[in-house]
Amino acid sequence: MTSARAIMHQGAECNGESDTLAGASRKMLDPHIGSPPTCGADDRLPTS
Protein backbone atom coordinates (compact mmCIF):
# COMPACT_ATOMS: atom_id res chain seq x y z
CA MET A 1 0.00 0.00 0.00
CA THR A 2 1.30 3.47 -0.88
CA SER A 3 1.71 5.81 2.09
CA ALA A 4 0.68 9.48 2.17
CA ARG A 5 4.32 10.38 2.81
CA ALA A 6 5.31 8.70 -0.47
CA ILE A 7 2.96 10.77 -2.64
CA MET A 8 3.16 14.19 -0.94
CA HIS A 9 5.61 16.86 -2.03
CA GLN A 10 7.99 18.56 0.43
CA GLY A 11 5.98 21.80 0.66
CA ALA A 12 2.68 20.13 1.53
CA GLU A 13 0.40 21.87 4.01
CA CYS A 14 -1.04 19.91 6.89
CA ASN A 15 -3.60 20.54 9.59
CA GLY A 16 -2.30 20.47 13.14
CA GLU A 17 -3.91 18.07 15.57
CA SER A 18 -5.22 21.04 17.57
CA ASP A 19 -6.42 23.11 14.56
CA THR A 20 -10.09 23.98 14.43
CA LEU A 21 -12.40 22.79 11.70
CA ALA A 22 -12.77 26.41 10.57
CA GLY A 23 -8.98 26.75 10.20
CA ALA A 24 -8.75 23.52 8.23
CA SER A 25 -11.59 24.67 5.98
CA ARG A 26 -9.82 27.96 5.25
CA LYS A 27 -6.72 26.04 4.09
CA MET A 28 -8.84 23.93 1.75
CA LEU A 29 -10.25 27.06 0.06
CA ASP A 30 -6.84 27.66 -1.50
CA PRO A 31 -7.09 26.25 -5.04
CA HIS A 32 -3.70 24.54 -4.73
CA ILE A 33 -4.55 22.63 -1.55
CA GLY A 34 -6.85 19.64 -1.72
CA SER A 35 -7.41 17.69 1.47
CA PRO A 36 -4.45 18.25 3.80
CA PRO A 37 -3.52 15.47 6.22
CA THR A 38 -3.45 16.01 9.97
CA CYS A 39 0.04 16.23 11.46
CA GLY A 40 1.12 15.81 15.05
CA ALA A 41 2.54 18.45 17.39
CA ASP A 42 5.96 17.93 15.75
CA ASP A 43 4.44 18.98 12.37
CA ARG A 44 5.10 15.50 10.92
CA LEU A 45 2.77 12.82 9.64
CA PRO A 46 2.08 10.08 12.17
CA THR A 47 3.87 6.80 11.49
CA SER A 48 1.74 3.73 11.76
PDB file of N, CA and C in Angstrom:
ATOM      1  N   MET A   1       0.839  -1.174   0.000  1.00  0.00           N
ATOM      2  CA  MET A   1       0.000   0.000   0.000  1.00  0.00           C
ATOM      3  C   MET A   1       0.889   1.244   0.000  1.00  0.00           C
ATOM      4  N   THR A   2       0.545   2.228  -0.803  1.00  0.00           N
ATOM      5  CA  THR A   2       1.300   3.473  -0.881  1.00  0.00           C
ATOM      6  C   THR A   2       0.945   4.357   0.312  1.00  0.00           C
ATOM      7  N   SER A   3       1.958   4.930   0.935  1.00  0.00           N
ATOM      8  CA  SER A   3       1.715   5.805   2.087  1.00  0.00           C
ATOM      9  C   SER A   3       1.517   7.248   1.633  1.00  0.00           C
ATOM     10  N   ALA A   4       0.877   8.049   2.474  1.00  0.00           N
ATOM     11  CA  ALA A   4       0.684   9.476   2.172  1.00  0.00           C
ATOM     12  C   ALA A   4       2.035  10.158   2.024  1.00  0.00           C
ATOM     13  N   ARG A   5       2.987   9.787   2.852  1.00  0.00           N
ATOM     14  CA  ARG A   5       4.320  10.385   2.809  1.00  0.00           C
ATOM     15  C   ARG A   5       4.974  10.169   1.444  1.00  0.00           C
ATOM     16  N   ALA A   6       4.696   9.030   0.809  1.00  0.00           N
ATOM     17  CA  ALA A   6       5.312   8.699  -0.474  1.00  0.00           C
ATOM     18  C   ALA A   6       4.775   9.547  -1.625  1.00  0.00           C
ATOM     19  N   ILE A   7       3.545  10.034  -1.524  1.00  0.00           N
ATOM     20  CA  ILE A   7       2.960  10.769  -2.642  1.00  0.00           C
ATOM     21  C   ILE A   7       2.894  12.278  -2.422  1.00  0.00           C
ATOM     22  N   MET A   8       3.211  12.750  -1.225  1.00  0.00           N
ATOM     23  CA  MET A   8       3.158  14.192  -0.942  1.00  0.00           C
ATOM     24  C   MET A   8       4.464  14.857  -1.347  1.00  0.00           C
ATOM     25  N   HIS A   9       4.385  16.125  -1.735  1.00  0.00           N
ATOM     26  CA  HIS A   9       5.607  16.856  -2.030  1.00  0.00           C
ATOM     27  C   HIS A   9       6.103  17.550  -0.767  1.00  0.00           C
ATOM     28  N   GLN A  10       7.349  18.003  -0.761  1.00  0.00           N
ATOM     29  CA  GLN A  10       7.990  18.556   0.428  1.00  0.00           C
ATOM     30  C   GLN A  10       7.275  19.775   1.003  1.00  0.00           C
ATOM     31  N   GLY A  11       6.634  20.587   0.182  1.00  0.00           N
ATOM     32  CA  GLY A  11       5.984  21.796   0.663  1.00  0.00           C
ATOM     33  C   GLY A  11       4.520  21.616   1.031  1.00  0.00           C
ATOM     34  N   ALA A  12       4.092  20.393   1.253  1.00  0.00           N
ATOM     35  CA  ALA A  12       2.683  20.126   1.525  1.00  0.00           C
ATOM     36  C   ALA A  12       2.234  20.783   2.828  1.00  0.00           C
ATOM     37  N   GLU A  13       1.015  21.287   2.811  1.00  0.00           N
ATOM     38  CA  GLU A  13       0.402  21.866   4.007  1.00  0.00           C
ATOM     39  C   GLU A  13      -0.267  20.742   4.789  1.00  0.00           C
ATOM     40  N   CYS A  14      -0.279  20.873   6.095  1.00  0.00           N
ATOM     41  CA  CYS A  14      -1.040  19.911   6.885  1.00  0.00           C
ATOM     42  C   CYS A  14      -1.795  20.646   7.977  1.00  0.00           C
ATOM     43  N   ASN A  15      -2.838  20.011   8.465  1.00  0.00           N
ATOM     44  CA  ASN A  15      -3.597  20.541   9.585  1.00  0.00           C
ATOM     45  C   ASN A  15      -2.936  20.030  10.855  1.00  0.00           C
ATOM     46  N   GLY A  16      -2.825  20.893  11.846  1.00  0.00           N
ATOM     47  CA  GLY A  16      -2.302  20.467  13.142  1.00  0.00           C
ATOM     48  C   GLY A  16      -3.373  19.722  13.913  1.00  0.00           C
ATOM     49  N   GLU A  17      -2.948  18.869  14.820  1.00  0.00           N
ATOM     50  CA  GLU A  17      -3.913  18.072  15.572  1.00  0.00           C
ATOM     51  C   GLU A  17      -4.803  18.931  16.472  1.00  0.00           C
ATOM     52  N   SER A  18      -4.396  20.160  16.754  1.00  0.00           N
ATOM     53  CA  SER A  18      -5.224  21.043  17.574  1.00  0.00           C
ATOM     54  C   SER A  18      -5.894  22.149  16.756  1.00  0.00           C
ATOM     55  N   ASP A  19      -5.764  22.122  15.418  1.00  0.00           N
ATOM     56  CA  ASP A  19      -6.417  23.106  14.563  1.00  0.00           C
ATOM     57  C   ASP A  19      -7.933  22.949  14.633  1.00  0.00           C
ATOM     58  N   THR A  20      -8.628  24.048  14.452  1.00  0.00           N
ATOM     59  CA  THR A  20     -10.089  23.984  14.429  1.00  0.00           C
ATOM     60  C   THR A  20     -10.570  23.561  13.047  1.00  0.00           C
ATOM     61  N   LEU A  21     -11.805  23.154  12.981  1.00  0.00           N
ATOM     62  CA  LEU A  21     -12.405  22.794  11.705  1.00  0.00           C
ATOM     63  C   LEU A  21     -12.459  24.012  10.788  1.00  0.00           C
ATOM     64  N   ALA A  22     -12.729  25.185  11.361  1.00  0.00           N
ATOM     65  CA  ALA A  22     -12.767  26.414  10.568  1.00  0.00           C
ATOM     66  C   ALA A  22     -11.400  26.707   9.951  1.00  0.00           C
ATOM     67  N   GLY A  23     -10.334  26.515  10.713  1.00  0.00           N
ATOM     68  CA  GLY A  23      -8.984  26.745  10.196  1.00  0.00           C
ATOM     69  C   GLY A  23      -8.633  25.774   9.082  1.00  0.00           C
ATOM     70  N   ALA A  24      -9.003  24.520   9.265  1.00  0.00           N
ATOM     71  CA  ALA A  24      -8.752  23.518   8.226  1.00  0.00           C
ATOM     72  C   ALA A  24      -9.539  23.845   6.960  1.00  0.00           C
ATOM     73  N   SER A  25     -10.756  24.301   7.128  1.00  0.00           N
ATOM     74  CA  SER A  25     -11.590  24.665   5.977  1.00  0.00           C
ATOM     75  C   SER A  25     -11.000  25.833   5.201  1.00  0.00           C
ATOM     76  N   ARG A  26     -10.437  26.820   5.918  1.00  0.00           N
ATOM     77  CA  ARG A  26      -9.816  27.963   5.245  1.00  0.00           C
ATOM     78  C   ARG A  26      -8.639  27.506   4.390  1.00  0.00           C
ATOM     79  N   LYS A  27      -7.846  26.560   4.886  1.00  0.00           N
ATOM     80  CA  LYS A  27      -6.725  26.042   4.094  1.00  0.00           C
ATOM     81  C   LYS A  27      -7.225  25.383   2.816  1.00  0.00           C
ATOM     82  N   MET A  28      -8.322  24.672   2.906  1.00  0.00           N
ATOM     83  CA  MET A  28      -8.836  23.935   1.753  1.00  0.00           C
ATOM     84  C   MET A  28      -9.449  24.850   0.702  1.00  0.00           C
ATOM     85  N   LEU A  29      -9.732  26.112   1.048  1.00  0.00           N
ATOM     86  CA  LEU A  29     -10.250  27.056   0.064  1.00  0.00           C
ATOM     87  C   LEU A  29      -9.189  27.475  -0.941  1.00  0.00           C
ATOM     88  N   ASP A  30      -7.926  27.342  -0.580  1.00  0.00           N
ATOM     89  CA  ASP A  30      -6.835  27.657  -1.501  1.00  0.00           C
ATOM     90  C   ASP A  30      -6.914  26.672  -2.660  1.00  0.00           C
ATOM     91  N   PRO A  31      -6.925  27.161  -3.894  1.00  0.00           N
ATOM     92  CA  PRO A  31      -7.091  26.252  -5.038  1.00  0.00           C
ATOM     93  C   PRO A  31      -5.949  25.253  -5.232  1.00  0.00           C
ATOM     94  N   HIS A  32      -4.827  25.462  -4.570  1.00  0.00           N
ATOM     95  CA  HIS A  32      -3.695  24.542  -4.728  1.00  0.00           C
ATOM     96  C   HIS A  32      -3.602  23.531  -3.595  1.00  0.00           C
ATOM     97  N   ILE A  33      -4.558  23.567  -2.671  1.00  0.00           N
ATOM     98  CA  ILE A  33      -4.554  22.626  -1.551  1.00  0.00           C
ATOM     99  C   ILE A  33      -5.833  21.811  -1.625  1.00  0.00           C
ATOM    100  N   GLY A  34      -5.681  20.521  -1.657  1.00  0.00           N
ATOM    101  CA  GLY A  34      -6.847  19.645  -1.716  1.00  0.00           C
ATOM    102  C   GLY A  34      -7.328  19.308  -0.322  1.00  0.00           C
ATOM    103  N   SER A  35      -7.010  18.156   0.148  1.00  0.00           N
ATOM    104  CA  SER A  35      -7.405  17.691   1.466  1.00  0.00           C
ATOM    105  C   SER A  35      -6.144  17.434   2.281  1.00  0.00           C
ATOM    106  N   PRO A  36      -5.703  18.418   3.073  1.00  0.00           N
ATOM    107  CA  PRO A  36      -4.448  18.255   3.799  1.00  0.00           C
ATOM    108  C   PRO A  36      -4.560  17.217   4.911  1.00  0.00           C
ATOM    109  N   PRO A  37      -3.510  16.448   5.131  1.00  0.00           N
ATOM    110  CA  PRO A  37      -3.519  15.469   6.221  1.00  0.00           C
ATOM    111  C   PRO A  37      -3.382  16.178   7.564  1.00  0.00           C
ATOM    112  N   THR A  38      -3.625  15.467   8.632  1.00  0.00           N
ATOM    113  CA  THR A  38      -3.450  16.008   9.975  1.00  0.00           C
ATOM    114  C   THR A  38      -2.103  15.548  10.511  1.00  0.00           C
ATOM    115  N   CYS A  39      -1.286  16.514  10.926  1.00  0.00           N
ATOM    116  CA  CYS A  39       0.042  16.230  11.460  1.00  0.00           C
ATOM    117  C   CYS A  39       0.023  16.357  12.977  1.00  0.00           C
ATOM    118  N   GLY A  40       0.988  15.744  13.609  1.00  0.00           N
ATOM    119  CA  GLY A  40       1.116  15.814  15.055  1.00  0.00           C
ATOM    120  C   GLY A  40       1.724  17.129  15.507  1.00  0.00           C
ATOM    121  N   ALA A  41       1.972  17.238  16.796  1.00  0.00           N
ATOM    122  CA  ALA A  41       2.537  18.453  17.387  1.00  0.00           C
ATOM    123  C   ALA A  41       3.922  18.757  16.819  1.00  0.00           C
ATOM    124  N   ASP A  42       4.617  17.737  16.322  1.00  0.00           N
ATOM    125  CA  ASP A  42       5.956  17.929  15.747  1.00  0.00           C
ATOM    126  C   ASP A  42       5.884  18.325  14.277  1.00  0.00           C
ATOM    127  N   ASP A  43       4.671  18.570  13.754  1.00  0.00           N
ATOM    128  CA  ASP A  43       4.438  18.978  12.368  1.00  0.00           C
ATOM    129  C   ASP A  43       4.863  17.909  11.368  1.00  0.00           C
ATOM    130  N   ARG A  44       4.759  16.645  11.780  1.00  0.00           N
ATOM    131  CA  ARG A  44       5.098  15.503  10.923  1.00  0.00           C
ATOM    132  C   ARG A  44       3.894  14.560  10.856  1.00  0.00           C
ATOM    133  N   LEU A  45       3.820  13.816   9.766  1.00  0.00           N
ATOM    134  CA  LEU A  45       2.770  12.817   9.641  1.00  0.00           C
ATOM    135  C   LEU A  45       2.989  11.715  10.665  1.00  0.00           C
ATOM    136  N   PRO A  46       1.922  11.195  11.234  1.00  0.00           N
ATOM    137  CA  PRO A  46       2.079  10.076  12.167  1.00  0.00           C
ATOM    138  C   PRO A  46       2.598   8.845  11.427  1.00  0.00           C
ATOM    139  N   THR A  47       3.372   8.046  12.092  1.00  0.00           N
ATOM    140  CA  THR A  47       3.872   6.805  11.490  1.00  0.00           C
ATOM    141  C   THR A  47       3.109   5.637  12.105  1.00  0.00           C
ATOM    142  N   SER A  48       2.448   4.908  11.270  1.00  0.00           N
ATOM    143  CA  SER A  48       1.736   3.734  11.757  1.00  0.00           C
ATOM    144  C   SER A  48       1.580   2.720  10.670  1.00  0.00           C
TER     145      SER A  48
END
